[in-house]
Amino acid sequence: MASALDNAELIEDPADPRVAIFLGLRDHEIRQQREMPGGDAHGSFIAEGDLVIERGVAHEFELTSVLVSAKRTKPLPTACNGAQIFAANDVVLTEITGRPKLRDPIARFQRPPPTEPEALLERHHSFAILENVNNPNNMGVIMRNAAALGIDAVLLDPTCSDPLYRRAIRSAMGQVFALPHARIGPLHESLPLLHDHDITTIALTPAGDVELADIDLAPDQKRAVLLGAEGPGLTNAARRAANIEARIPMANNVDSLNVANAAAIAFYALGRTAPNETL
């Protein structure tokens, strides 16, 4: 069977317009700006790795082009069939990635239209709500944890990083593709919408007045866990707007956990009473 590499187009000049979409991968702030509305790369996003590409295509994200090293001999995933394949020399790879060697393929996908949060609130049962989670690695691990531990959808405030940013996708091992997400406004303004949908909102904070394990929700009760930025945590306004402020008890004078680790504990704890329990 023919490999996608058999139809690769050789790229020898970093200024070649065919690979302009891949430039700027080393500066995550610039890259995210390029992919947001108004940016020259708006309407697309970048993902890397054979497994990640396969998962993106499996979840019906449209793959348009793939960049590989011209020295690659390993066949590309069959998911790459039909996409443009660009085989770049060392000079081009160094300009794009900062190094002449490229082990994993880098793919361009079409970005789907944004999802309306109301559609998710109507359709789903359990949610993660994120405020100011602007570290892409934390974002990716939270998305992976959410997909693994029974969260149905994720809602993001305006200050959160892009779940479809390359580093977030890689940290999530492509599981971000399996989890619907939507943008909402500032949490203290947006939580009343969740409450109107009969969703119990639980703000995770070291200052919580109840322990997470003591929360007892009916299996059919919709629930959402609120998570804030690494370090400062949730804003006071978001905490006050939630139905419950809950904490994970700490030992040895440790004040808090990494937000992605705390998220995993919260997702598991709240999933124990969810319907169709699989944990």
C-alpha atoms as a PDB file:
ATOM      1  CA  MET A   1       0.000   0.000   0.000  1.00  0.00           C
ATOM      2  CA  ALA A   2       1.293   3.451  -0.920  1.00  0.00           C
ATOM      3  CA  SER A   3       2.362   5.688   1.963  1.00  0.00           C
ATOM      4  CA  ALA A   4       1.341   9.325   2.323  1.00  0.00           C
ATOM      5  CA  LEU A   5       5.078  10.057   2.202  1.00  0.00           C
ATOM      6  CA  ASP A   6       5.150   8.888  -1.433  1.00  0.00           C
ATOM      7  CA  ASN A   7       3.335  12.085  -2.439  1.00  0.00           C
ATOM      8  CA  ALA A   8       5.330  14.460  -0.235  1.00  0.00           C
ATOM      9  CA  GLU A   9       6.301  17.869  -1.619  1.00  0.00           C
ATOM     10  CA  LEU A  10       9.916  18.841  -0.860  1.00  0.00           C
ATOM     11  CA  ILE A  11      10.346  22.174   0.959  1.00  0.00           C
ATOM     12  CA  GLU A  12      13.851  23.691   0.827  1.00  0.00           C
ATOM     13  CA  ASP A  13      13.216  27.367   1.639  1.00  0.00           C
ATOM     14  CA  PRO A  14      11.776  28.627   4.961  1.00  0.00           C
ATOM     15  CA  ALA A  15      10.099  31.426   3.007  1.00  0.00           C
ATOM     16  CA  ASP A  16       8.091  28.945   0.934  1.00  0.00           C
ATOM     17  CA  PRO A  17       4.453  30.080   1.333  1.00  0.00           C
ATOM     18  CA  ARG A  18       3.292  26.466   1.516  1.00  0.00           C
ATOM     19  CA  VAL A  19       4.709  26.169   5.054  1.00  0.00           C
ATOM     20  CA  ALA A  20       4.041  29.719   6.288  1.00  0.00           C
ATOM     21  CA  ILE A  21       1.214  28.378   8.460  1.00  0.00           C
ATOM     22  CA  PHE A  22       3.747  26.392  10.523  1.00  0.00           C
ATOM     23  CA  LEU A  23       6.013  29.330  11.396  1.00  0.00           C
ATOM     24  CA  GLY A  24       6.105  30.728  14.925  1.00  0.00           C
ATOM     25  CA  LEU A  25       5.710  27.446  16.798  1.00  0.00           C
ATOM     26  CA  ARG A  26       8.374  28.354  19.367  1.00  0.00           C
ATOM     27  CA  ASP A  27       6.531  31.363  20.859  1.00  0.00           C
ATOM     28  CA  HIS A  28       3.256  30.141  22.307  1.00  0.00           C
ATOM     29  CA  GLU A  29       1.820  33.625  22.878  1.00  0.00           C
ATOM     30  CA  ILE A  30       2.448  34.694  19.284  1.00  0.00           C
ATOM     31  CA  ARG A  31       1.202  31.362  17.988  1.00  0.00           C
ATOM     32  CA  GLN A  32      -2.055  31.566  19.914  1.00  0.00           C
ATOM     33  CA  GLN A  33      -2.550  35.141  18.722  1.00  0.00           C
ATOM     34  CA  ARG A  34      -2.083  33.985  15.131  1.00  0.00           C
ATOM     35  CA  GLU A  35      -4.762  31.325  15.531  1.00  0.00           C
ATOM     36  CA  MET A  36      -7.317  33.547  17.264  1.00  0.00           C
ATOM     37  CA  PRO A  37      -9.856  35.722  15.378  1.00  0.00           C
ATOM     38  CA  GLY A  38      -8.009  38.420  13.472  1.00  0.00           C
ATOM     39  CA  GLY A  39      -4.795  36.418  13.240  1.00  0.00           C
ATOM     40  CA  ASP A  40      -3.297  35.314   9.943  1.00  0.00           C
ATOM     41  CA  ALA A  41      -3.650  31.638  10.944  1.00  0.00           C
ATOM     42  CA  HIS A  42      -7.243  31.975  12.159  1.00  0.00           C
ATOM     43  CA  GLY A  43      -9.381  29.025  11.172  1.00  0.00           C
ATOM     44  CA  SER A  44      -6.664  26.450  11.816  1.00  0.00           C
ATOM     45  CA  PHE A  45      -4.648  24.900  14.609  1.00  0.00           C
ATOM     46  CA  ILE A  46      -1.450  22.884  14.834  1.00  0.00           C
ATOM     47  CA  ALA A  47      -1.035  19.445  16.396  1.00  0.00           C
ATOM     48  CA  GLU A  48       1.940  17.110  16.467  1.00  0.00           C
ATOM     49  CA  GLY A  49       2.610  13.406  16.792  1.00  0.00           C
ATOM     50  CA  ASP A  50       1.355  10.305  14.996  1.00  0.00           C
ATOM     51  CA  LEU A  51      -1.075   9.315  17.758  1.00  0.00           C
ATOM     52  CA  VAL A  52      -2.413  12.850  18.173  1.00  0.00           C
ATOM     53  CA  ILE A  53      -3.037  13.165  14.437  1.00  0.00           C
ATOM     54  CA  GLU A  54      -4.850   9.831  14.377  1.00  0.00           C
ATOM     55  CA  ARG A  55      -7.076  10.895  17.287  1.00  0.00           C
ATOM     56  CA  GLY A  56      -7.876  14.212  15.652  1.00  0.00           C
ATOM     57  CA  VAL A  57      -8.981  12.557  12.433  1.00  0.00           C
ATOM     58  CA  ALA A  58     -10.880   9.854  14.361  1.00  0.00           C
ATOM     59  CA  HIS A  59     -12.929  12.605  16.032  1.00  0.00           C
ATOM     60  CA  GLU A  60     -13.696  14.143  12.624  1.00  0.00           C
ATOM     61  CA  PHE A  61     -11.373  17.141  12.772  1.00  0.00           C
ATOM     62  CA  GLU A  62     -10.374  18.049   9.233  1.00  0.00           C
ATOM     63  CA  LEU A  63      -6.672  17.474   8.526  1.00  0.00           C
ATOM     64  CA  THR A  64      -5.335  19.705   5.752  1.00  0.00           C
ATOM     65  CA  SER A  65      -1.528  19.408   5.719  1.00  0.00           C
ATOM     66  CA  VAL A  66       1.364  17.671   7.460  1.00  0.00           C
ATOM     67  CA  LEU A  67       4.994  18.731   7.840  1.00  0.00           C
ATOM     68  CA  VAL A  68       7.651  16.031   8.222  1.00  0.00           C
ATOM     69  CA  SER A  69      11.400  15.774   8.030  1.00  0.00           C
ATOM     70  CA  ALA A  70      12.665  14.994   4.553  1.00  0.00           C
ATOM     71  CA  LYS A  71      14.770  12.302   6.249  1.00  0.00           C
ATOM     72  CA  ARG A  72      11.764  10.473   7.676  1.00  0.00           C
ATOM     73  CA  THR A  73      11.479   6.858   6.572  1.00  0.00           C
ATOM     74  CA  LYS A  74       8.712   5.674   8.908  1.00  0.00           C
ATOM     75  CA  PRO A  75       5.332   5.643   7.155  1.00  0.00           C
ATOM     76  CA  LEU A  76       2.855   8.291   8.224  1.00  0.00           C
ATOM     77  CA  PRO A  77      -0.425   7.240   9.850  1.00  0.00           C
ATOM     78  CA  THR A  78      -3.109   6.310   7.353  1.00  0.00           C
ATOM     79  CA  ALA A  79      -5.086   9.234   8.792  1.00  0.00           C
ATOM     80  CA  CYS A  80      -2.728  11.480   6.800  1.00  0.00           C
ATOM     81  CA  ASN A  81      -3.910  10.090   3.478  1.00  0.00           C
ATOM     82  CA  GLY A  82      -5.555  12.850   1.485  1.00  0.00           C
ATOM     83  CA  ALA A  83      -3.713  15.686   3.242  1.00  0.00           C
ATOM     84  CA  GLN A  84      -0.896  17.720   1.694  1.00  0.00           C
ATOM     85  CA  ILE A  85       2.443  16.339   2.895  1.00  0.00           C
ATOM     86  CA  PHE A  86       5.457  18.659   3.071  1.00  0.00           C
ATOM     87  CA  ALA A  87       8.912  17.126   3.537  1.00  0.00           C
ATOM     88  CA  ALA A  88      11.250  19.838   4.862  1.00  0.00           C
ATOM     89  CA  ASN A  89      15.039  19.944   4.897  1.00  0.00           C
ATOM     90  CA  ASP A  90      17.119  20.798   7.985  1.00  0.00           C
ATOM     91  CA  VAL A  91      17.197  24.526   7.236  1.00  0.00           C
ATOM     92  CA  VAL A  92      13.415  24.753   7.085  1.00  0.00           C
ATOM     93  CA  LEU A  93      12.946  22.618  10.179  1.00  0.00           C
ATOM     94  CA  THR A  94      15.377  24.764  12.159  1.00  0.00           C
ATOM     95  CA  GLU A  95      13.487  27.917  11.213  1.00  0.00           C
ATOM     96  CA  ILE A  96      10.155  26.394  12.220  1.00  0.00           C
ATOM     97  CA  THR A  97      11.023  24.309  15.284  1.00  0.00           C
ATOM     98  CA  GLY A  98      14.442  25.560  16.387  1.00  0.00           C
ATOM     99  CA  ARG A  99      16.144  22.247  15.675  1.00  0.00           C
ATOM    100  CA  PRO A 100      17.118  20.392  12.484  1.00  0.00           C
ATOM    101  CA  LYS A 101      15.647  17.087  13.607  1.00  0.00           C
ATOM    102  CA  LEU A 102      11.921  16.427  13.661  1.00  0.00           C
ATOM    103  CA  ARG A 103      10.826  13.099  15.094  1.00  0.00           C
ATOM    104  CA  ASP A 104       7.073  13.656  15.027  1.00  0.00           C
ATOM    105  CA  PRO A 105       4.959  14.994  12.179  1.00  0.00           C
ATOM    106  CA  ILE A 106       3.370  18.420  12.631  1.00  0.00           C
ATOM    107  CA  ALA A 107      -0.165  18.743  11.306  1.00  0.00           C
ATOM    108  CA  ARG A 108      -2.477  21.572  10.389  1.00  0.00           C
ATOM    109  CA  PHE A 109      -6.166  21.020  11.135  1.00  0.00           C
ATOM    110  CA  GLN A 110      -9.161  23.152  10.322  1.00  0.00           C
ATOM    111  CA  ARG A 111     -10.575  24.770  13.455  1.00  0.00           C
ATOM    112  CA  PRO A 112     -14.286  23.976  13.891  1.00  0.00           C
ATOM    113  CA  PRO A 113     -16.798  26.765  14.553  1.00  0.00           C
ATOM    114  CA  PRO A 114     -17.048  27.708  18.242  1.00  0.00           C
ATOM    115  CA  THR A 115     -19.596  25.809  20.295  1.00  0.00           C
ATOM    116  CA  GLU A 116     -22.333  27.734  22.063  1.00  0.00           C
ATOM    117  CA  PRO A 117     -22.201  27.049  25.819  1.00  0.00           C
ATOM    118  CA  GLU A 118     -25.989  26.771  26.074  1.00  0.00           C
ATOM    119  CA  ALA A 119     -25.883  23.723  23.810  1.00  0.00           C
ATOM    120  CA  LEU A 120     -23.480  21.984  26.178  1.00  0.00           C
ATOM    121  CA  LEU A 121     -25.463  22.949  29.264  1.00  0.00           C
ATOM    122  CA  GLU A 122     -28.610  21.425  27.795  1.00  0.00           C
ATOM    123  CA  ARG A 123     -26.955  18.223  26.619  1.00  0.00           C
ATOM    124  CA  HIS A 124     -24.477  17.245  29.342  1.00  0.00           C
ATOM    125  CA  HIS A 125     -24.399  16.272  33.005  1.00  0.00           C
ATOM    126  CA  SER A 126     -20.920  17.015  34.407  1.00  0.00           C
ATOM    127  CA  PHE A 127     -18.662  19.962  33.668  1.00  0.00           C
ATOM    128  CA  ALA A 128     -15.265  21.437  34.383  1.00  0.00           C
ATOM    129  CA  ILE A 129     -15.266  25.237  34.523  1.00  0.00           C
ATOM    130  CA  LEU A 130     -11.856  26.877  34.170  1.00  0.00           C
ATOM    131  CA  GLU A 131     -10.826  30.410  35.147  1.00  0.00           C
ATOM    132  CA  ASN A 132      -7.508  31.923  34.053  1.00  0.00           C
ATOM    133  CA  VAL A 133      -5.881  28.559  33.347  1.00  0.00           C
ATOM    134  CA  ASN A 134      -3.359  30.052  30.947  1.00  0.00           C
ATOM    135  CA  ASN A 135      -0.569  27.467  31.115  1.00  0.00           C
ATOM    136  CA  PRO A 136      -0.964  25.241  28.035  1.00  0.00           C
ATOM    137  CA  ASN A 137       0.496  22.180  29.749  1.00  0.00           C
ATOM    138  CA  ASN A 138      -1.934  22.478  32.663  1.00  0.00           C
ATOM    139  CA  MET A 139      -4.754  23.006  30.187  1.00  0.00           C
ATOM    140  CA  GLY A 140      -3.836  19.852  28.299  1.00  0.00           C
ATOM    141  CA  VAL A 141      -3.524  17.679  31.396  1.00  0.00           C
ATOM    142  CA  ILE A 142      -6.843  18.959  32.755  1.00  0.00           C
ATOM    143  CA  MET A 143      -8.523  18.112  29.460  1.00  0.00           C
ATOM    144  CA  ARG A 144      -6.975  14.638  29.489  1.00  0.00           C
ATOM    145  CA  ASN A 145      -8.055  14.083  33.098  1.00  0.00           C
ATOM    146  CA  ALA A 146     -11.561  15.303  32.298  1.00  0.00           C
ATOM    147  CA  ALA A 147     -11.902  12.928  29.348  1.00  0.00           C
ATOM    148  CA  ALA A 148     -10.594  10.006  31.416  1.00  0.00           C
ATOM    149  CA  LEU A 149     -12.660  10.640  34.556  1.00  0.00           C
ATOM    150  CA  GLY A 150     -16.134  11.173  33.204  1.00  0.00           C
ATOM    151  CA  ILE A 151     -16.425  14.928  32.659  1.00  0.00           C
ATOM    152  CA  ASP A 152     -18.779  15.580  29.744  1.00  0.00           C
ATOM    153  CA  ALA A 153     -17.745  19.106  28.714  1.00  0.00           C
ATOM    154  CA  VAL A 154     -15.432  21.975  29.637  1.00  0.00           C
ATOM    155  CA  LEU A 155     -16.277  25.672  29.833  1.00  0.00           C
ATOM    156  CA  LEU A 156     -13.514  28.281  29.692  1.00  0.00           C
ATOM    157  CA  ASP A 157     -13.490  31.898  30.801  1.00  0.00           C
ATOM    158  CA  PRO A 158     -11.970  34.542  28.464  1.00  0.00           C
ATOM    159  CA  THR A 159      -8.553  34.399  30.178  1.00  0.00           C
ATOM    160  CA  CYS A 160      -7.928  30.676  29.652  1.00  0.00           C
ATOM    161  CA  SER A 161      -5.432  29.433  27.087  1.00  0.00           C
ATOM    162  CA  ASP A 162      -6.610  27.705  23.936  1.00  0.00           C
ATOM    163  CA  PRO A 163      -7.287  23.954  24.378  1.00  0.00           C
ATOM    164  CA  LEU A 164      -6.482  23.537  20.681  1.00  0.00           C
ATOM    165  CA  TYR A 165      -3.041  25.110  21.051  1.00  0.00           C
ATOM    166  CA  ARG A 166      -0.269  22.676  20.060  1.00  0.00           C
ATOM    167  CA  ARG A 167       1.284  22.221  23.511  1.00  0.00           C
ATOM    168  CA  ALA A 168      -2.093  21.751  25.165  1.00  0.00           C
ATOM    169  CA  ILE A 169      -3.065  19.114  22.610  1.00  0.00           C
ATOM    170  CA  ARG A 170       0.223  17.296  23.133  1.00  0.00           C
ATOM    171  CA  SER A 171      -0.132  17.346  26.938  1.00  0.00           C
ATOM    172  CA  ALA A 172      -3.644  15.960  26.504  1.00  0.00           C
ATOM    173  CA  MET A 173      -2.338  13.190  24.219  1.00  0.00           C
ATOM    174  CA  GLY A 174      -5.047  14.265  21.782  1.00  0.00           C
ATOM    175  CA  GLN A 175      -7.869  13.665  24.273  1.00  0.00           C
ATOM    176  CA  VAL A 176      -8.922  17.289  23.854  1.00  0.00           C
ATOM    177  CA  PHE A 177     -10.527  16.139  20.595  1.00  0.00           C
ATOM    178  CA  ALA A 178     -12.895  13.873  22.527  1.00  0.00           C
ATOM    179  CA  LEU A 179     -14.175  16.560  24.871  1.00  0.00           C
ATOM    180  CA  PRO A 180     -16.503  19.391  23.791  1.00  0.00           C
ATOM    181  CA  HIS A 181     -15.621  22.825  25.113  1.00  0.00           C
ATOM    182  CA  ALA A 182     -16.942  26.358  24.857  1.00  0.00           C
ATOM    183  CA  ARG A 183     -16.044  29.877  25.937  1.00  0.00           C
ATOM    184  CA  ILE A 184     -18.121  31.716  28.507  1.00  0.00           C
ATOM    185  CA  GLY A 185     -17.798  35.138  30.107  1.00  0.00           C
ATOM    186  CA  PRO A 186     -16.211  35.884  33.504  1.00  0.00           C
ATOM    187  CA  LEU A 187     -17.285  33.208  35.954  1.00  0.00           C
ATOM    188  CA  HIS A 188     -19.068  35.441  38.436  1.00  0.00           C
ATOM    189  CA  GLU A 189     -21.242  36.679  35.558  1.00  0.00           C
ATOM    190  CA  SER A 190     -21.699  33.287  33.877  1.00  0.00           C
ATOM    191  CA  LEU A 191     -22.512  30.992  36.807  1.00  0.00           C
ATOM    192  CA  PRO A 192     -26.156  32.182  37.029  1.00  0.00           C
ATOM    193  CA  LEU A 193     -26.643  30.665  33.568  1.00  0.00           C
ATOM    194  CA  LEU A 194     -25.457  27.300  34.918  1.00  0.00           C
ATOM    195  CA  HIS A 195     -27.718  27.638  37.938  1.00  0.00           C
ATOM    196  CA  ASP A 196     -30.639  28.326  35.603  1.00  0.00           C
ATOM    197  CA  HIS A 197     -29.873  24.902  34.080  1.00  0.00           C
ATOM    198  CA  ASP A 198     -30.021  23.310  37.556  1.00  0.00           C
ATOM    199  CA  ILE A 199     -26.270  22.695  37.662  1.00  0.00           C
ATOM    200  CA  THR A 200     -24.665  22.623  41.121  1.00  0.00           C
ATOM    201  CA  THR A 201     -21.402  24.585  40.954  1.00  0.00           C
ATOM    202  CA  ILE A 202     -18.533  23.601  43.236  1.00  0.00           C
ATOM    203  CA  ALA A 203     -15.590  25.984  43.604  1.00  0.00           C
ATOM    204  CA  LEU A 204     -12.401  24.082  44.436  1.00  0.00           C
ATOM    205  CA  THR A 205     -10.325  26.165  46.842  1.00  0.00           C
ATOM    206  CA  PRO A 206      -8.052  25.519  49.847  1.00  0.00           C
ATOM    207  CA  ALA A 207     -10.349  27.893  51.762  1.00  0.00           C
ATOM    208  CA  GLY A 208     -13.449  25.780  51.127  1.00  0.00           C
ATOM    209  CA  ASP A 209     -15.780  25.266  54.062  1.00  0.00           C
ATOM    210  CA  VAL A 210     -16.528  21.622  53.214  1.00  0.00           C
ATOM    211  CA  GLU A 211     -14.307  18.727  52.191  1.00  0.00           C
ATOM    212  CA  LEU A 212     -14.708  17.532  48.627  1.00  0.00           C
ATOM    213  CA  ALA A 213     -15.369  13.955  49.763  1.00  0.00           C
ATOM    214  CA  ASP A 214     -18.285  15.097  51.939  1.00  0.00           C
ATOM    215  CA  ILE A 215     -20.297  16.491  49.031  1.00  0.00           C
ATOM    216  CA  ASP A 216     -23.229  14.161  48.400  1.00  0.00           C
ATOM    217  CA  LEU A 217     -25.106  14.810  45.188  1.00  0.00           C
ATOM    218  CA  ALA A 218     -27.973  12.780  43.797  1.00  0.00           C
ATOM    219  CA  PRO A 219     -26.901  10.732  40.779  1.00  0.00           C
ATOM    220  CA  ASP A 220     -29.123  12.731  38.447  1.00  0.00           C
ATOM    221  CA  GLN A 221     -27.931  16.098  39.781  1.00  0.00           C
ATOM    222  CA  LYS A 222     -25.916  18.028  37.215  1.00  0.00           C
ATOM    223  CA  ARG A 223     -22.603  19.240  38.596  1.00  0.00           C
ATOM    224  CA  ALA A 224     -19.673  21.475  37.694  1.00  0.00           C
ATOM    225  CA  VAL A 225     -16.292  21.855  39.357  1.00  0.00           C
ATOM    226  CA  LEU A 226     -14.638  25.279  39.168  1.00  0.00           C
ATOM    227  CA  LEU A 227     -10.844  25.434  38.877  1.00  0.00           C
ATOM    228  CA  GLY A 228      -8.635  28.512  38.968  1.00  0.00           C
ATOM    229  CA  ALA A 229      -5.155  29.435  37.849  1.00  0.00           C
ATOM    230  CA  GLU A 230      -2.024  27.824  39.220  1.00  0.00           C
ATOM    231  CA  GLY A 231      -1.027  29.879  42.269  1.00  0.00           C
ATOM    232  CA  PRO A 232      -3.810  32.417  42.835  1.00  0.00           C
ATOM    233  CA  GLY A 233      -6.662  29.955  42.313  1.00  0.00           C
ATOM    234  CA  LEU A 234     -10.208  31.114  41.716  1.00  0.00           C
ATOM    235  CA  THR A 235     -11.075  34.772  42.072  1.00  0.00           C
ATOM    236  CA  ASN A 236     -13.118  35.768  45.094  1.00  0.00           C
ATOM    237  CA  ALA A 237     -15.974  36.766  42.810  1.00  0.00           C
ATOM    238  CA  ALA A 238     -16.084  33.314  41.216  1.00  0.00           C
ATOM    239  CA  ARG A 239     -15.972  31.578  44.584  1.00  0.00           C
ATOM    240  CA  ARG A 240     -18.808  33.683  45.952  1.00  0.00           C
ATOM    241  CA  ALA A 241     -20.939  32.985  42.882  1.00  0.00           C
ATOM    242  CA  ALA A 242     -20.628  29.187  43.255  1.00  0.00           C
ATOM    243  CA  ASN A 243     -23.116  27.057  45.200  1.00  0.00           C
ATOM    244  CA  ILE A 244     -20.416  25.289  47.241  1.00  0.00           C
ATOM    245  CA  GLU A 245     -16.797  26.046  48.173  1.00  0.00           C
ATOM    246  CA  ALA A 246     -14.935  22.772  48.681  1.00  0.00           C
ATOM    247  CA  ARG A 247     -11.395  21.840  49.643  1.00  0.00           C
ATOM    248  CA  ILE A 248      -9.103  18.837  49.296  1.00  0.00           C
ATOM    249  CA  PRO A 249      -7.629  18.236  52.775  1.00  0.00           C
ATOM    250  CA  MET A 250      -3.838  18.595  52.886  1.00  0.00           C
ATOM    251  CA  ALA A 251      -1.181  17.029  55.111  1.00  0.00           C
ATOM    252  CA  ASN A 252       2.339  18.085  56.111  1.00  0.00           C
ATOM    253  CA  ASN A 253       1.552  21.798  55.826  1.00  0.00           C
ATOM    254  CA  VAL A 254       1.205  21.583  52.050  1.00  0.00           C
ATOM    255  CA  ASP A 255      -1.072  24.446  51.046  1.00  0.00           C
ATOM    256  CA  SER A 256      -2.327  23.238  47.655  1.00  0.00           C
ATOM    257  CA  LEU A 257      -1.834  20.943  44.675  1.00  0.00           C
ATOM    258  CA  ASN A 258      -1.005  21.613  41.058  1.00  0.00           C
ATOM    259  CA  VAL A 259      -4.287  22.570  39.409  1.00  0.00           C
ATOM    260  CA  ALA A 260      -4.239  19.581  37.033  1.00  0.00           C
ATOM    261  CA  ASN A 261      -3.674  17.161  39.944  1.00  0.00           C
ATOM    262  CA  ALA A 262      -6.426  18.808  41.981  1.00  0.00           C
ATOM    263  CA  ALA A 263      -8.706  18.570  38.952  1.00  0.00           C
ATOM    264  CA  ALA A 264      -8.161  14.807  38.676  1.00  0.00           C
ATOM    265  CA  ILE A 265      -9.078  14.290  42.337  1.00  0.00           C
ATOM    266  CA  ALA A 266     -12.190  16.444  41.986  1.00  0.00           C
ATOM    267  CA  PHE A 267     -13.321  14.762  38.768  1.00  0.00           C
ATOM    268  CA  TYR A 268     -12.972  11.326  40.359  1.00  0.00           C
ATOM    269  CA  ALA A 269     -14.716  12.348  43.577  1.00  0.00           C
ATOM    270  CA  LEU A 270     -17.691  13.905  41.788  1.00  0.00           C
ATOM    271  CA  GLY A 271     -17.900  11.030  39.350  1.00  0.00           C
ATOM    272  CA  ARG A 272     -18.603   8.524  42.113  1.00  0.00           C
ATOM    273  CA  THR A 273     -22.252   9.601  42.247  1.00  0.00           C
ATOM    274  CA  ALA A 274     -22.705  10.202  38.532  1.00  0.00           C
ATOM    275  CA  PRO A 275     -25.129   8.027  36.535  1.00  0.00           C
ATOM    276  CA  ASN A 276     -23.720   5.113  34.488  1.00  0.00           C
ATOM    277  CA  GLU A 277     -20.700   5.018  36.730  1.00  0.00           C
ATOM    278  CA  THR A 278     -17.669   3.445  35.035  1.00  0.00           C
ATOM    279  CA  LEU A 279     -14.848   4.434  37.402  1.00  0.00           C
END
